[in-house]
Amino acid sequence: MRKAWLDNIKLIAMFLVVVYHTPPRYDNAHEAALFNMGAPVFFFAAGYLFDIARQRGFLSFLRHRAQQILVPYTTFFIIFYALWLVVGRRMAGPEEMEIGLMTPLRQFIEGTPDVVLGPFWFLAALFTMQLIYYPIRRFLSGCWPLAVALLLSLSLLVMPDLPWFRLWNLDKALLYMPIYAMGNCCRPLVERFDFSGPSRSLLWMVLAALGLGFLIVAPLQIDRSVAYVLAPVAVMLTLPLYTAVCRWLERCSPALCRVARVVAVGSITYLALQNYLIGIIKMMIAKLMGAQVWDGNLVLKVAVALAVMVILYPIALFIDRRMPWLLGKKKSTL
């Protein structure tokens, strides 16, 4: 049975991802908080949906994950790589023209798709993360997988910076694995993340304040690399409030839940197209109003992000219903 509150989580997280990618960009602290309230929350949702009891073995799990992740990773890359070769490089400017023609292809193979589909770092990290997490969850029960995930994440504090560590975003997979493990190992606890009592509601708000406070203040007060590694723990503190709000929306706004379902199902489409649509809107506004209109304009930033969410909605709906093979699906799920 589909959980509407989980779709609401993905809707809010996707909106924050789009806001993060929309200019103007702000100082590192606020950008870090905005980013961590967006993309990493998808790992929490993915972990909640993972059920080791339903898996028929590692190879079966690998095939399923390859279909759900690697197929859209490949299909969207082929489309946008072709567009980049034909028109994208020239439209982006001289800096883009200096990038080698084979660079996006190499990044695609290495699982670090920066030039053509930057947001797809998430798919690469999720695929790597799930392959690592599967045997941990297979052989450990209870909260032990979460403890192992925390140790792997914190090991980045002492791990040497090696180039191969970035292949298929292995570093980010380990970094955010505790968030995934929290969603998976703590499912009974997650079910209690609601506003059922004043004391519980107050606790969620206090934890969220501590988490957000760390995300905003830490990059300015402590070593940036240390703040980066500790950020997922801060995100975990915000997730009870995040979930409670989404459960409340499930009860209060059925219409929003219907919208959230389309965004959740089409989240890969949103990831693939958002930056390109933001770029088009940015160029149009700059031509009409001048580039200076973006300077410190938070209202414009949010307005453009909302416009992107609305414009991509029918596109995501169309792809799911008419071209599900792009997403690695045999038929529509809407």
Protein backbone atom coordinates (compact mmCIF):
# COMPACT_ATOMS: atom_id res chain seq x y z
CA MET A 1 0.00 0.00 0.00
CA ARG A 2 1.40 3.39 -1.01
CA LYS A 3 2.07 5.78 1.87
CA ALA A 4 0.99 9.34 1.10
CA TRP A 5 3.18 10.84 3.82
CA LEU A 6 6.23 9.30 2.18
CA ASP A 7 5.23 10.95 -1.11
CA ASN A 8 4.88 14.24 0.78
CA ILE A 9 8.43 13.83 2.07
CA LYS A 10 9.67 13.41 -1.49
CA LEU A 11 7.66 16.41 -2.69
CA ILE A 12 9.13 18.74 -0.07
CA ALA A 13 12.64 17.32 -0.55
CA MET A 14 12.40 17.74 -4.33
CA PHE A 15 11.24 21.34 -3.98
CA LEU A 16 14.23 22.08 -1.74
CA VAL A 17 16.54 20.42 -4.28
CA VAL A 18 15.16 22.71 -7.01
CA VAL A 19 15.46 25.77 -4.76
CA TYR A 20 19.07 24.81 -4.02
CA HIS A 21 19.91 24.66 -7.73
CA THR A 22 18.12 27.93 -8.51
CA PRO A 23 20.19 31.15 -8.41
CA PRO A 24 21.19 33.22 -6.56
CA ARG A 25 23.49 31.10 -4.42
CA TYR A 26 24.12 32.15 -0.83
CA ASP A 27 26.87 31.63 1.73
CA ASN A 28 28.16 28.14 2.38
CA ALA A 29 26.33 27.69 5.67
CA HIS A 30 22.85 28.39 4.34
CA GLU A 31 23.52 26.47 1.13
CA ALA A 32 24.64 23.46 3.21
CA ALA A 33 21.44 23.57 5.26
CA LEU A 34 19.28 23.87 2.14
CA PHE A 35 21.07 21.01 0.38
CA ASN A 36 20.94 18.67 3.36
CA MET A 37 17.21 19.22 3.82
CA GLY A 38 16.70 18.18 0.20
CA ALA A 39 18.64 15.43 -1.53
CA PRO A 40 19.73 13.36 1.53
CA VAL A 41 16.11 13.04 2.69
CA PHE A 42 15.47 10.84 -0.36
CA PHE A 43 17.89 8.33 1.16
CA PHE A 44 15.67 8.19 4.25
CA ALA A 45 12.61 7.43 2.09
CA ALA A 46 14.51 4.78 0.11
CA GLY A 47 15.69 3.11 3.30
CA TYR A 48 12.17 3.02 4.69
CA LEU A 49 10.95 1.21 1.57
CA PHE A 50 13.72 -1.41 1.64
CA ASP A 51 12.53 -4.72 3.11
CA ILE A 52 15.21 -7.41 3.39
CA ALA A 53 12.55 -10.08 3.99
CA ARG A 54 11.15 -9.57 0.49
CA GLN A 55 14.49 -10.07 -1.24
CA ARG A 56 15.19 -13.42 -2.93
CA GLY A 57 18.96 -13.07 -2.87
CA PHE A 58 21.66 -10.62 -3.78
CA LEU A 59 21.59 -11.25 -7.54
CA SER A 60 17.84 -10.74 -7.66
CA PHE A 61 18.25 -7.54 -5.64
CA LEU A 62 21.05 -6.39 -7.96
CA ARG A 63 18.90 -6.94 -11.06
CA HIS A 64 16.00 -5.03 -9.52
CA ARG A 65 18.19 -2.10 -8.47
CA ALA A 66 19.88 -2.03 -11.88
CA GLN A 67 16.49 -1.82 -13.56
CA GLN A 68 15.20 0.89 -11.25
CA ILE A 69 18.39 2.99 -11.13
CA LEU A 70 20.85 2.15 -13.90
CA VAL A 71 18.25 2.10 -16.69
CA PRO A 72 17.07 5.72 -16.14
CA TYR A 73 20.66 6.69 -15.35
CA THR A 74 21.60 5.42 -18.83
CA THR A 75 18.57 6.51 -20.87
CA PHE A 76 18.58 10.10 -19.64
CA PHE A 77 22.34 10.33 -20.05
CA ILE A 78 22.16 9.20 -23.69
CA ILE A 79 19.48 11.82 -24.44
CA PHE A 80 21.23 14.71 -22.75
CA TYR A 81 24.70 13.75 -23.90
CA ALA A 82 23.45 13.88 -27.50
CA LEU A 83 21.83 17.27 -26.86
CA TRP A 84 25.00 18.51 -25.19
CA LEU A 85 27.10 17.49 -28.20
CA VAL A 86 24.73 19.15 -30.67
CA VAL A 87 23.70 22.39 -28.95
CA GLY A 88 24.41 22.34 -25.22
CA ARG A 89 28.11 23.13 -25.35
CA ARG A 90 27.62 26.20 -27.52
CA MET A 91 24.69 27.52 -25.49
CA ALA A 92 26.54 27.18 -22.19
CA GLY A 93 29.47 29.35 -23.26
CA PRO A 94 33.24 29.19 -23.83
CA GLU A 95 34.02 27.36 -20.58
CA GLU A 96 31.77 24.49 -21.62
CA MET A 97 33.38 24.40 -25.07
CA GLU A 98 36.73 23.69 -23.42
CA ILE A 99 35.40 20.44 -21.93
CA GLY A 100 36.51 17.40 -23.91
CA LEU A 101 33.88 15.59 -25.94
CA MET A 102 34.56 12.32 -24.12
CA THR A 103 34.56 13.83 -20.62
CA PRO A 104 30.81 13.30 -19.99
CA LEU A 105 31.10 9.72 -21.24
CA ARG A 106 34.01 9.04 -18.91
CA GLN A 107 32.09 10.56 -16.00
CA PHE A 108 29.07 8.43 -16.87
CA ILE A 109 31.16 5.24 -16.74
CA GLU A 110 32.80 6.31 -13.47
CA GLY A 111 29.43 7.15 -11.89
CA THR A 112 30.30 10.83 -11.46
CA PRO A 113 28.03 12.53 -14.06
CA ASP A 114 28.96 16.14 -13.44
CA VAL A 115 28.91 17.82 -16.86
CA VAL A 116 25.71 16.48 -18.43
CA LEU A 117 23.56 15.28 -15.52
CA GLY A 118 25.04 16.60 -12.29
CA PRO A 119 22.02 15.78 -10.07
CA PHE A 120 22.34 12.13 -11.03
CA TRP A 121 25.15 11.85 -8.50
CA PHE A 122 22.24 10.85 -6.28
CA LEU A 123 21.37 7.79 -8.41
CA ALA A 124 25.00 6.67 -8.49
CA ALA A 125 25.35 7.11 -4.73
CA LEU A 126 22.05 5.35 -4.04
CA PHE A 127 23.03 2.36 -6.19
CA THR A 128 26.42 2.05 -4.46
CA MET A 129 24.87 2.57 -1.04
CA GLN A 130 22.26 -0.15 -1.51
CA LEU A 131 24.81 -2.68 -2.74
CA ILE A 132 26.94 -2.04 0.36
CA TYR A 133 24.00 -1.97 2.75
CA TYR A 134 22.41 -5.21 1.50
CA PRO A 135 24.95 -7.64 3.04
CA ILE A 136 25.10 -5.56 6.22
CA ARG A 137 21.33 -5.87 6.62
CA ARG A 138 21.40 -9.54 5.60
CA PHE A 139 23.78 -10.54 8.39
CA LEU A 140 22.88 -8.00 11.08
CA SER A 141 19.50 -7.27 12.66
CA GLY A 142 17.98 -4.69 14.94
CA CYS A 143 19.84 -1.41 15.09
CA TRP A 144 23.24 -2.92 14.31
CA PRO A 145 23.10 -1.97 10.62
CA LEU A 146 22.55 1.64 11.70
CA ALA A 147 25.57 1.44 14.02
CA VAL A 148 27.73 0.02 11.20
CA ALA A 149 26.46 2.70 8.82
CA LEU A 150 27.39 5.41 11.33
CA LEU A 151 30.90 3.97 11.72
CA LEU A 152 31.37 3.82 7.94
CA SER A 153 30.18 7.41 7.60
CA LEU A 154 32.38 8.74 10.41
CA SER A 155 35.36 6.84 8.97
CA LEU A 156 35.46 9.55 6.29
CA LEU A 157 37.00 11.82 8.93
CA VAL A 158 40.21 9.77 8.78
CA MET A 159 39.91 8.24 5.32
CA PRO A 160 42.62 9.43 2.90
CA ASP A 161 41.38 11.39 -0.11
CA LEU A 162 41.87 8.81 -2.85
CA PRO A 163 40.59 9.27 -6.44
CA TRP A 164 39.01 5.81 -6.63
CA PHE A 165 36.95 6.69 -3.56
CA ARG A 166 34.84 8.99 -5.72
CA LEU A 167 34.00 6.27 -8.27
CA TRP A 168 30.24 5.76 -8.34
CA ASN A 169 30.10 8.31 -5.53
CA LEU A 170 31.35 5.78 -3.01
CA ASP A 171 32.30 8.62 -0.65
CA LYS A 172 28.77 10.07 -0.69
CA ALA A 173 27.24 6.60 -0.42
CA LEU A 174 29.14 6.01 2.83
CA LEU A 175 28.50 9.58 4.02
CA TYR A 176 24.71 9.35 3.78
CA MET A 177 24.27 5.68 4.61
CA PRO A 178 23.20 6.40 8.23
CA ILE A 179 20.17 8.31 6.89
CA TYR A 180 19.25 5.31 4.71
CA ALA A 181 19.83 2.93 7.63
CA MET A 182 17.69 5.07 9.92
CA GLY A 183 14.76 4.80 7.54
CA ASN A 184 15.26 1.04 7.28
CA CYS A 185 16.23 -0.05 10.79
CA CYS A 186 13.96 2.33 12.69
CA ARG A 187 10.69 1.73 10.84
CA PRO A 188 8.68 1.09 14.06
CA LEU A 189 10.09 4.32 15.49
CA VAL A 190 9.45 6.22 12.24
CA GLU A 191 5.78 5.22 12.51
CA ARG A 192 5.67 7.22 15.75
CA PHE A 193 6.98 10.41 14.17
CA ASP A 194 3.75 12.38 14.42
CA PHE A 195 2.08 15.16 16.39
CA SER A 196 0.04 12.82 18.60
CA GLY A 197 0.96 14.65 21.81
CA PRO A 198 2.41 18.01 22.93
CA SER A 199 5.50 16.49 24.54
CA ARG A 200 6.31 14.45 21.45
CA SER A 201 5.72 17.45 19.17
CA LEU A 202 7.98 19.60 21.32
CA LEU A 203 10.70 16.93 21.21
CA TRP A 204 10.60 16.80 17.40
CA MET A 205 10.89 20.60 17.19
CA VAL A 206 13.80 20.72 19.64
CA LEU A 207 15.67 17.99 17.75
CA ALA A 208 15.02 19.74 14.43
CA ALA A 209 16.25 23.05 15.85
CA LEU A 210 19.46 21.38 17.00
CA GLY A 211 19.97 19.72 13.60
CA LEU A 212 19.27 22.87 11.57
CA GLY A 213 21.35 24.94 13.96
CA PHE A 214 24.31 22.66 13.36
CA LEU A 215 23.88 22.71 9.58
CA ILE A 216 23.81 26.52 9.54
CA VAL A 217 26.41 27.33 12.18
CA ALA A 218 28.92 24.46 11.93
CA PRO A 219 30.44 25.37 8.51
CA LEU A 220 31.30 28.80 9.95
CA GLN A 221 32.66 27.60 13.29
CA ILE A 222 34.50 24.31 12.73
CA ASP A 223 36.60 22.73 10.03
CA ARG A 224 34.50 22.48 6.87
CA SER A 225 35.43 18.85 6.19
CA VAL A 226 34.40 17.87 9.73
CA ALA A 227 31.10 19.73 9.38
CA TYR A 228 30.53 17.94 6.07
CA VAL A 229 30.93 14.48 7.63
CA LEU A 230 28.77 15.32 10.65
CA ALA A 231 25.99 16.88 8.55
CA PRO A 232 24.09 13.57 8.00
CA VAL A 233 23.76 13.14 11.76
CA ALA A 234 22.27 16.63 11.96
CA VAL A 235 19.86 15.72 9.15
CA MET A 236 18.75 12.67 11.14
CA LEU A 237 17.75 14.97 14.01
CA THR A 238 15.38 16.86 11.70
CA LEU A 239 13.68 13.78 10.25
CA PRO A 240 11.13 13.23 13.06
CA LEU A 241 9.72 16.74 12.51
CA TYR A 242 10.01 16.34 8.74
CA THR A 243 7.97 13.12 8.91
CA ALA A 244 5.45 14.47 11.41
CA VAL A 245 4.70 17.45 9.16
CA CYS A 246 4.23 15.14 6.17
CA ARG A 247 1.86 12.90 8.15
CA TRP A 248 -0.13 15.99 9.13
CA LEU A 249 -0.32 17.02 5.46
CA GLU A 250 -1.54 13.53 4.60
CA ARG A 251 -4.52 14.03 6.90
CA CYS A 252 -5.23 17.66 6.05
CA SER A 253 -4.60 17.93 2.30
CA PRO A 254 -5.60 15.01 0.08
CA ALA A 255 -5.17 17.22 -3.01
CA LEU A 256 -1.54 17.90 -2.11
CA CYS A 257 -1.01 14.16 -1.64
CA ARG A 258 -2.18 13.53 -5.19
CA VAL A 259 0.34 16.06 -6.47
CA ALA A 260 3.01 14.58 -4.22
CA ARG A 261 2.44 11.13 -5.68
CA VAL A 262 3.17 12.33 -9.22
CA VAL A 263 6.33 14.12 -8.07
CA ALA A 264 7.45 11.09 -6.06
CA VAL A 265 6.91 8.68 -8.95
CA GLY A 266 8.55 11.13 -11.36
CA SER A 267 11.40 12.15 -9.06
CA ILE A 268 14.04 10.90 -11.51
CA THR A 269 12.46 13.00 -14.26
CA TYR A 270 12.58 16.03 -11.97
CA LEU A 271 16.24 15.34 -11.17
CA ALA A 272 17.12 14.99 -14.84
CA LEU A 273 15.31 18.06 -16.19
CA GLN A 274 15.38 20.64 -13.40
CA ASN A 275 18.79 22.18 -14.05
CA TYR A 276 18.10 22.59 -17.75
CA LEU A 277 14.74 24.22 -17.14
CA ILE A 278 16.26 26.49 -14.48
CA GLY A 279 18.94 27.51 -16.99
CA ILE A 280 16.33 28.33 -19.66
CA ILE A 281 14.24 30.41 -17.25
CA LYS A 282 17.37 32.15 -15.99
CA MET A 283 18.39 33.19 -19.51
CA MET A 284 14.87 34.41 -20.32
CA ILE A 285 14.64 36.53 -17.16
CA ALA A 286 18.15 37.91 -17.68
CA LYS A 287 17.25 39.03 -21.20
CA LEU A 288 14.01 40.65 -20.08
CA MET A 289 15.14 42.23 -16.81
CA GLY A 290 18.94 42.11 -16.83
CA ALA A 291 21.32 39.76 -15.04
CA GLN A 292 21.40 42.00 -11.96
CA VAL A 293 17.83 41.02 -11.10
CA TRP A 294 19.17 37.80 -9.56
CA ASP A 295 21.43 39.57 -7.05
CA GLY A 296 20.23 38.55 -3.58
CA ASN A 297 16.66 38.08 -4.84
CA LEU A 298 15.29 35.34 -2.60
CA VAL A 299 11.70 35.90 -3.76
CA LEU A 300 12.73 35.34 -7.39
CA LYS A 301 14.69 32.25 -6.37
CA VAL A 302 11.64 30.65 -4.74
CA ALA A 303 9.30 31.80 -7.53
CA VAL A 304 11.48 30.22 -10.23
CA ALA A 305 11.75 27.00 -8.19
CA LEU A 306 7.95 26.86 -7.90
CA ALA A 307 7.63 27.48 -11.65
CA VAL A 308 10.04 24.62 -12.36
CA MET A 309 8.05 22.28 -10.11
CA VAL A 310 4.81 23.19 -11.90
CA ILE A 311 6.22 23.00 -15.46
CA LEU A 312 7.84 19.61 -14.86
CA TYR A 313 4.66 18.13 -13.37
CA PRO A 314 2.90 17.29 -16.68
CA ILE A 315 6.22 16.17 -18.18
CA ALA A 316 6.79 13.73 -15.32
CA LEU A 317 3.21 12.53 -15.68
CA PHE A 318 3.61 12.05 -19.44
CA ILE A 319 6.87 10.11 -19.15
CA ASP A 320 5.46 7.79 -16.50
CA ARG A 321 2.32 7.07 -18.53
CA ARG A 322 3.68 7.08 -22.09
CA MET A 323 7.40 6.37 -21.79
CA PRO A 324 7.88 4.35 -18.58
CA TRP A 325 10.83 2.52 -20.17
CA LEU A 326 12.84 5.73 -19.69
CA LEU A 327 12.47 5.15 -15.96
CA GLY A 328 13.22 1.43 -16.09
CA LYS A 329 9.55 0.50 -15.68
CA LYS A 330 7.36 -1.78 -17.80
CA LYS A 331 4.20 0.20 -17.18
CA SER A 332 2.91 3.35 -15.50
CA THR A 333 2.59 3.40 -11.73
CA LEU A 334 0.12 6.32 -11.73
